[in-house]
Amino acid sequence: MATFIPKHLELALRMSADGLIQNLADKVSSNRSVASGHLRNSFKISELSENGYVVEMAGYGQIVDEGRRRGSMPPTTPILSWIREKGISPKSGQTAEQLSFAIAMGIKNKGIRPKPFIMPAVEEMIQQTLQPIADATALDIADFINAMPPIEFKAKI
């Protein structure tokens, strides 16, 4: 019996994964969520198989996408890193640590508005790759059928 090997589908999935990574980076850039570029450059595929793939991103990507409700204090260390990366100078008499704490308090009190980019990127990728994935699946099925041994008929009398 022939074994079904979805080689065309794997290639189509790789192409769709690459397209999704590009779409995510484009969406993050277009909705003004880029401060340091860390999130935009953090998207990568960690697993890829005929069943799909797993996309990894910087931990705060979900907060950018979904926002943050007010009430909980965010960590100040990433804010401090952001202040330093952007070269932001605190007011005179204020340290960068104090500024990061003040920003964290503002986030705690006001929250962060969502800037959705994940689902728009996924929906765009689906539209871009639906036909190529269907075509790849059809090729894999055709290869499977063509690899099957011919059917023999024997008459018993």
Protein backbone atom coordinates (compact mmCIF):
# COMPACT_ATOMS: atom_id res chain seq x y z
CA MET A 1 0.00 0.00 0.00
CA ALA A 2 1.34 3.43 -0.90
CA THR A 3 2.08 5.92 1.86
CA PHE A 4 0.51 9.37 1.64
CA ILE A 5 3.31 11.96 1.77
CA PRO A 6 2.00 15.52 1.56
CA LYS A 7 5.18 17.12 0.14
CA HIS A 8 3.30 19.76 -1.89
CA LEU A 9 1.19 20.70 1.12
CA GLU A 10 4.30 21.11 3.29
CA LEU A 11 5.75 23.50 0.72
CA ALA A 12 2.47 25.46 0.58
CA LEU A 13 2.37 25.62 4.38
CA ARG A 14 5.95 26.95 4.44
CA MET A 15 4.95 29.63 1.94
CA SER A 16 1.86 30.54 3.99
CA ALA A 17 3.97 30.65 7.17
CA ASP A 18 6.44 33.01 5.52
CA GLY A 19 3.51 35.11 4.29
CA LEU A 20 2.02 35.26 7.78
CA ILE A 21 5.33 36.41 9.28
CA GLN A 22 5.49 39.20 6.69
CA ASN A 23 1.83 40.14 7.26
CA LEU A 24 2.34 40.32 11.03
CA ALA A 25 5.39 42.57 10.61
CA ASP A 26 3.50 44.79 8.14
CA LYS A 27 0.44 45.08 10.41
CA VAL A 28 2.53 45.94 13.47
CA SER A 29 4.34 48.61 11.45
CA SER A 30 1.17 50.05 9.94
CA ASN A 31 -0.74 50.47 13.21
CA ARG A 32 2.03 52.56 14.79
CA SER A 33 2.99 49.85 17.28
CA VAL A 34 6.66 50.06 16.42
CA ALA A 35 8.83 51.78 18.99
CA SER A 36 12.06 49.80 18.93
CA GLY A 37 11.27 47.32 16.15
CA HIS A 38 11.69 44.43 18.60
CA LEU A 39 8.11 43.16 18.19
CA ARG A 40 8.18 43.54 14.40
CA ASN A 41 11.41 41.53 14.23
CA SER A 42 10.38 38.89 16.79
CA PHE A 43 7.96 36.85 14.65
CA LYS A 44 9.22 33.36 13.77
CA ILE A 45 7.93 29.89 13.01
CA SER A 46 8.86 27.44 15.75
CA GLU A 47 7.13 24.32 14.41
CA LEU A 48 6.07 23.39 10.90
CA SER A 49 4.36 20.20 9.81
CA GLU A 50 1.60 19.09 7.48
CA ASN A 51 -0.81 19.86 10.34
CA GLY A 52 0.15 23.53 10.52
CA TYR A 53 2.65 25.73 12.29
CA VAL A 54 3.30 27.66 15.50
CA VAL A 55 4.21 31.35 15.39
CA GLU A 56 6.26 32.84 18.22
CA MET A 57 6.59 36.54 19.01
CA ALA A 58 7.80 38.84 21.76
CA GLY A 59 5.82 38.36 24.95
CA TYR A 60 4.23 41.79 24.89
CA GLY A 61 2.82 41.27 21.38
CA GLN A 62 -0.44 39.99 22.80
CA ILE A 63 -0.74 43.10 24.97
CA VAL A 64 -0.23 45.31 21.91
CA ASP A 65 -2.85 43.28 20.03
CA GLU A 66 -5.47 43.00 22.79
CA GLY A 67 -4.59 46.01 24.94
CA ARG A 68 -4.35 46.00 28.70
CA ARG A 69 -7.14 46.73 31.11
CA ARG A 70 -6.44 49.24 33.78
CA GLY A 71 -5.86 48.04 37.30
CA SER A 72 -2.71 45.95 37.11
CA MET A 73 0.80 47.31 37.30
CA PRO A 74 3.01 46.32 34.35
CA PRO A 75 6.67 45.49 34.97
CA THR A 76 8.95 48.53 34.83
CA THR A 77 12.04 46.78 33.43
CA PRO A 78 10.76 46.54 29.81
CA ILE A 79 9.58 50.17 30.04
CA LEU A 80 13.03 51.21 31.27
CA SER A 81 14.64 49.35 28.36
CA TRP A 82 12.27 51.10 25.95
CA ILE A 83 13.14 54.52 27.45
CA ARG A 84 16.84 53.81 26.96
CA GLU A 85 16.39 52.41 23.42
CA LYS A 86 14.43 55.48 22.37
CA GLY A 87 16.91 57.83 24.01
CA ILE A 88 14.16 59.52 26.03
CA SER A 89 15.50 62.02 28.54
CA PRO A 90 13.54 62.26 31.79
CA LYS A 91 12.61 65.68 33.16
CA SER A 92 15.40 67.34 35.09
CA GLY A 93 15.70 65.88 38.56
CA GLN A 94 14.04 62.62 37.45
CA THR A 95 15.86 59.35 36.77
CA ALA A 96 15.03 56.92 33.97
CA GLU A 97 13.87 54.47 36.66
CA GLN A 98 11.45 57.06 38.07
CA LEU A 99 10.14 57.81 34.59
CA SER A 100 9.57 54.09 33.90
CA PHE A 101 7.67 53.83 37.19
CA ALA A 102 5.53 56.87 36.26
CA ILE A 103 4.73 55.34 32.85
CA ALA A 104 3.85 52.01 34.51
CA MET A 105 1.52 53.86 36.90
CA GLY A 106 -0.12 55.58 33.93
CA ILE A 107 -0.68 52.19 32.29
CA LYS A 108 -2.06 50.84 35.57
CA ASN A 109 -4.48 53.76 35.86
CA LYS A 110 -5.51 54.12 32.22
CA GLY A 111 -4.71 50.79 30.57
CA ILE A 112 -3.55 50.45 26.96
CA ARG A 113 -5.88 50.56 23.96
CA PRO A 114 -5.77 47.48 21.75
CA LYS A 115 -4.04 47.72 18.38
CA PRO A 116 -5.21 44.51 16.69
CA PHE A 117 -2.74 43.05 14.23
CA ILE A 118 -2.83 39.27 14.77
CA MET A 119 -6.25 38.36 13.33
CA PRO A 120 -6.04 40.88 10.46
CA ALA A 121 -2.68 39.33 9.48
CA VAL A 122 -4.07 35.78 9.76
CA GLU A 123 -7.18 36.64 7.73
CA GLU A 124 -5.04 38.22 5.01
CA MET A 125 -2.74 35.19 4.95
CA ILE A 126 -5.72 32.85 4.61
CA GLN A 127 -7.02 34.80 1.61
CA GLN A 128 -3.56 34.79 0.02
CA THR A 129 -2.88 31.08 0.50
CA LEU A 130 -6.25 29.35 0.34
CA GLN A 131 -5.95 28.50 -3.36
CA PRO A 132 -2.25 27.48 -3.24
CA ILE A 133 -2.98 25.13 -0.32
CA ALA A 134 -5.96 23.62 -2.16
CA ASP A 135 -3.81 23.15 -5.29
CA ALA A 136 -1.00 21.57 -3.25
CA THR A 137 -3.42 19.16 -1.60
CA ALA A 138 -4.78 18.15 -5.01
CA LEU A 139 -1.23 17.49 -6.26
CA ASP A 140 -0.46 15.36 -3.21
CA ILE A 141 -3.61 13.30 -3.74
CA ALA A 142 -2.76 12.87 -7.43
CA ASP A 143 0.79 11.76 -6.52
CA PHE A 144 -0.64 9.28 -4.01
CA ILE A 145 -3.07 7.81 -6.52
CA ASN A 146 -0.38 7.59 -9.22
CA ALA A 147 1.96 5.78 -6.83
CA MET A 148 -0.61 3.06 -6.09
CA PRO A 149 0.05 -0.29 -7.74
CA PRO A 150 -2.31 -1.21 -10.54
CA ILE A 151 -5.38 -3.17 -9.61
CA GLU A 152 -5.32 -6.77 -10.73
CA PHE A 153 -8.45 -8.76 -11.42
CA LYS A 154 -8.36 -12.53 -11.23
CA ALA A 155 -11.34 -14.55 -12.13
CA LYS A 156 -12.05 -17.70 -10.14
CA ILE A 157 -13.89 -20.42 -11.90
